[in-house]
Amino acid sequence: MLAPCLITGRREAGCDEAGRGPLAGPVVAAAVILPPDYGNPLLNDSKQLSERQRNQLRIEIEREAMAWAVAVVEAEEIDRLNILHASTHAMCLAVKQLSLKPEFLLIDGNRFYNETDIPYQCIVKGDAKYMPIAAASILAKTHRDELMLQLHEQYPLYGWDRNKGYPTAEHYRAIEEHGPTPFHRHSFTLYKQHSLFD
């Protein structure tokens, strides 16, 4: 089972993002403050869970958390800032939207540009070590997947209902055939040679 916090008795917010690698769509970050007595043996890094498990946990986390927030940074801003800065900016936006101010931030990963006055610690693979980060990873992932399904309705040719904007052979072929959409990240490599996939 994951650890409930880093230091007992301190109000800690776990922070994580989803969508650093895709060619299209936003990066989405979440911040979550869990109750001190919260526990769920299923809670884990969102990548280790099935879609059904993530969706079930999202409902519980949003119901049981002391505070939670989700923030979105769109493709245009990703192109302007670069993906690393956009990801940490999204985390900071989520933290600022929390209804309770945390005393400390638990950041998944090894780099963070802090735009708040709250102290923090970066934790590599933190979403597999601490419950607040795992909870944030689940909210970020499920909210982003939901957004990509909505964008798929506008642009069904790119397979975003299946690839969620990530670089798949299907996605690259669609860009070659139809060109990029307003939701593609133009600072990313959007075109590959067909021979790579034939």
Protein backbone atom coordinates (compact mmCIF):
# COMPACT_ATOMS: atom_id res chain seq x y z
CA MET A 1 0.00 0.00 0.00
CA LEU A 2 1.22 3.50 -0.75
CA ALA A 3 2.31 5.88 2.00
CA PRO A 4 -0.40 8.36 3.06
CA CYS A 5 1.99 11.30 3.34
CA LEU A 6 5.62 12.33 3.69
CA ILE A 7 5.32 13.86 7.19
CA THR A 8 2.43 12.91 9.48
CA GLY A 9 0.14 15.76 10.48
CA ARG A 10 1.18 18.10 7.67
CA ARG A 11 -1.38 19.12 5.04
CA GLU A 12 0.26 17.86 1.87
CA ALA A 13 -1.04 18.18 -1.68
CA GLY A 14 -0.01 15.61 -4.22
CA CYS A 15 0.58 17.01 -7.71
CA ASP A 16 0.88 15.20 -11.03
CA GLU A 17 0.18 15.75 -14.71
CA ALA A 18 -1.01 13.77 -17.71
CA GLY A 19 -0.24 14.40 -21.34
CA ARG A 20 3.41 15.38 -21.66
CA GLY A 21 4.05 13.04 -24.59
CA PRO A 22 1.08 13.45 -26.95
CA LEU A 23 1.22 15.24 -30.29
CA ALA A 24 -2.17 16.85 -29.67
CA GLY A 25 -4.36 18.09 -26.89
CA PRO A 26 -3.64 19.81 -23.59
CA VAL A 27 -1.49 18.85 -20.67
CA VAL A 28 -3.68 18.40 -17.60
CA ALA A 29 -2.52 18.58 -13.99
CA ALA A 30 -4.22 17.83 -10.70
CA ALA A 31 -3.58 18.65 -7.06
CA VAL A 32 -5.17 16.59 -4.29
CA ILE A 33 -5.24 16.85 -0.49
CA LEU A 34 -6.43 13.59 1.03
CA PRO A 35 -7.81 13.16 4.57
CA PRO A 36 -5.23 11.84 7.07
CA ASP A 37 -7.19 8.63 7.53
CA TYR A 38 -7.83 7.97 3.85
CA GLY A 39 -6.84 4.59 2.46
CA ASN A 40 -7.64 2.45 -0.54
CA PRO A 41 -5.51 -0.58 -1.46
CA LEU A 42 -6.39 -0.11 -5.13
CA LEU A 43 -4.92 3.40 -5.27
CA ASN A 44 -1.79 3.41 -7.41
CA ASP A 45 -0.03 5.13 -10.29
CA SER A 46 -2.75 5.70 -12.90
CA LYS A 47 -0.65 3.90 -15.54
CA GLN A 48 -0.86 0.70 -13.48
CA LEU A 49 -4.67 0.73 -13.40
CA SER A 50 -7.32 -0.17 -15.94
CA GLU A 51 -9.56 2.54 -17.36
CA ARG A 52 -12.45 1.18 -15.29
CA GLN A 53 -10.39 1.26 -12.09
CA ARG A 54 -9.26 4.83 -12.78
CA ASN A 55 -12.81 6.00 -13.36
CA GLN A 56 -14.02 4.31 -10.18
CA LEU A 57 -11.21 5.84 -8.14
CA ARG A 58 -11.83 9.27 -9.65
CA ILE A 59 -15.36 9.25 -8.23
CA GLU A 60 -14.09 8.26 -4.79
CA ILE A 61 -11.20 10.73 -4.77
CA GLU A 62 -13.38 13.65 -5.81
CA ARG A 63 -15.89 12.68 -3.11
CA GLU A 64 -13.45 11.94 -0.26
CA ALA A 65 -10.62 14.44 -0.78
CA MET A 66 -10.33 17.41 1.54
CA ALA A 67 -9.65 19.44 -1.60
CA TRP A 68 -8.88 18.74 -5.25
CA ALA A 69 -8.44 20.76 -8.41
CA VAL A 70 -7.61 20.18 -12.07
CA ALA A 71 -5.96 22.65 -14.44
CA VAL A 72 -5.54 22.58 -18.22
CA VAL A 73 -2.80 24.11 -20.37
CA GLU A 74 -3.68 24.05 -24.06
CA ALA A 75 -1.45 23.13 -27.01
CA GLU A 76 -0.86 26.75 -28.01
CA GLU A 77 0.60 27.53 -24.58
CA ILE A 78 2.63 24.31 -24.62
CA ASP A 79 4.22 25.55 -27.86
CA ARG A 80 4.95 28.90 -26.25
CA LEU A 81 6.34 27.64 -22.93
CA ASN A 82 7.74 24.17 -23.87
CA ILE A 83 6.21 21.01 -22.43
CA LEU A 84 8.21 20.92 -19.17
CA HIS A 85 7.31 24.48 -18.21
CA ALA A 86 3.72 23.97 -19.35
CA SER A 87 3.43 20.84 -17.18
CA THR A 88 4.70 22.51 -14.03
CA HIS A 89 2.64 25.62 -14.80
CA ALA A 90 -0.45 23.41 -14.95
CA MET A 91 0.44 21.90 -11.56
CA CYS A 92 0.82 25.37 -10.04
CA LEU A 93 -2.53 26.45 -11.49
CA ALA A 94 -4.17 23.38 -9.93
CA VAL A 95 -2.58 24.12 -6.54
CA LYS A 96 -3.80 27.72 -6.65
CA GLN A 97 -7.34 26.50 -7.33
CA LEU A 98 -7.47 24.29 -4.22
CA SER A 99 -10.13 25.34 -1.70
CA LEU A 100 -7.66 24.58 1.12
CA LYS A 101 -4.10 25.85 1.04
CA PRO A 102 -1.60 23.03 1.49
CA GLU A 103 1.43 23.35 3.75
CA PHE A 104 3.62 21.31 1.43
CA LEU A 105 3.58 20.02 -2.15
CA LEU A 106 4.54 16.50 -3.20
CA ILE A 107 5.54 16.76 -6.87
CA ASP A 108 5.77 13.73 -9.12
CA GLY A 109 9.00 13.82 -11.11
CA ASN A 110 12.41 15.40 -10.76
CA ARG A 111 11.86 19.01 -11.90
CA PHE A 112 9.43 21.69 -10.84
CA TYR A 113 9.22 25.43 -11.43
CA ASN A 114 7.35 26.67 -8.37
CA GLU A 115 4.95 29.55 -9.01
CA THR A 116 3.55 29.38 -5.47
CA ASP A 117 4.87 30.32 -2.03
CA ILE A 118 4.45 26.74 -0.81
CA PRO A 119 7.53 24.56 -0.17
CA TYR A 120 7.77 21.36 -2.18
CA GLN A 121 9.69 18.18 -2.81
CA CYS A 122 10.10 16.39 -6.13
CA ILE A 123 9.71 12.63 -5.89
CA VAL A 124 10.68 10.42 -8.82
CA LYS A 125 7.92 7.88 -9.46
CA GLY A 126 6.03 9.50 -6.62
CA ASP A 127 2.72 8.32 -8.05
CA ALA A 128 3.75 4.79 -7.08
CA LYS A 129 4.91 5.82 -3.58
CA TYR A 130 2.49 8.36 -2.07
CA MET A 131 -1.30 8.32 -2.08
CA PRO A 132 -1.81 12.07 -2.70
CA ILE A 133 0.35 11.93 -5.84
CA ALA A 134 -1.34 8.73 -7.04
CA ALA A 135 -4.72 10.41 -6.52
CA ALA A 136 -3.55 13.43 -8.52
CA SER A 137 -2.28 11.18 -11.31
CA ILE A 138 -5.70 9.52 -11.55
CA LEU A 139 -7.58 12.82 -11.71
CA ALA A 140 -5.19 14.27 -14.27
CA LYS A 141 -5.38 11.16 -16.47
CA THR A 142 -9.17 10.73 -16.34
CA HIS A 143 -9.90 14.41 -16.89
CA ARG A 144 -7.50 14.54 -19.85
CA ASP A 145 -8.95 11.39 -21.41
CA GLU A 146 -12.40 12.95 -21.09
CA LEU A 147 -11.21 16.11 -22.86
CA MET A 148 -9.64 14.08 -25.68
CA LEU A 149 -12.92 12.21 -26.23
CA GLN A 150 -14.64 15.59 -26.58
CA LEU A 151 -12.00 16.76 -29.08
CA HIS A 152 -12.43 13.48 -30.98
CA GLU A 153 -16.02 14.47 -31.66
CA GLN A 154 -14.72 17.57 -33.47
CA TYR A 155 -11.85 15.81 -35.25
CA PRO A 156 -12.72 12.10 -35.60
CA LEU A 157 -10.13 11.38 -38.30
CA TYR A 158 -7.18 11.30 -35.87
CA GLY A 159 -8.31 8.45 -33.62
CA TRP A 160 -8.13 10.45 -30.42
CA ASP A 161 -10.77 8.22 -28.85
CA ARG A 162 -8.15 5.45 -29.04
CA ASN A 163 -4.73 7.13 -28.94
CA LYS A 164 -5.68 10.18 -26.81
CA GLY A 165 -3.35 12.28 -28.97
CA TYR A 166 -0.26 10.12 -28.41
CA PRO A 167 2.14 9.37 -31.30
CA THR A 168 0.83 6.20 -32.90
CA ALA A 169 1.18 5.06 -36.50
CA GLU A 170 -2.51 5.79 -37.02
CA HIS A 171 -2.11 9.31 -35.66
CA TYR A 172 0.94 10.11 -37.80
CA ARG A 173 -0.84 8.86 -40.92
CA ALA A 174 -3.86 11.04 -40.18
CA ILE A 175 -1.63 14.11 -39.83
CA GLU A 176 0.05 13.27 -43.14
CA GLU A 177 -3.29 12.87 -44.88
CA HIS A 178 -5.30 15.68 -43.30
CA GLY A 179 -2.73 18.03 -41.78
CA PRO A 180 -2.57 19.17 -38.17
CA THR A 181 -5.55 20.57 -36.28
CA PRO A 182 -5.62 23.66 -34.04
CA PHE A 183 -5.16 21.26 -31.13
CA HIS A 184 -1.85 19.82 -32.36
CA ARG A 185 1.42 20.88 -30.72
CA HIS A 186 3.43 22.48 -33.49
CA SER A 187 6.62 22.47 -31.41
CA PHE A 188 6.50 18.64 -31.52
CA THR A 189 7.56 16.49 -34.48
CA LEU A 190 4.23 15.89 -36.19
CA TYR A 191 5.41 14.11 -39.33
CA LYS A 192 7.15 10.76 -39.78
CA GLN A 193 8.14 8.84 -42.88
CA HIS A 194 5.48 6.35 -44.00
CA SER A 195 8.17 3.70 -44.35
CA LEU A 196 8.50 3.56 -40.58
CA PHE A 197 5.06 2.06 -40.33
CA ASP A 198 4.60 0.19 -43.64
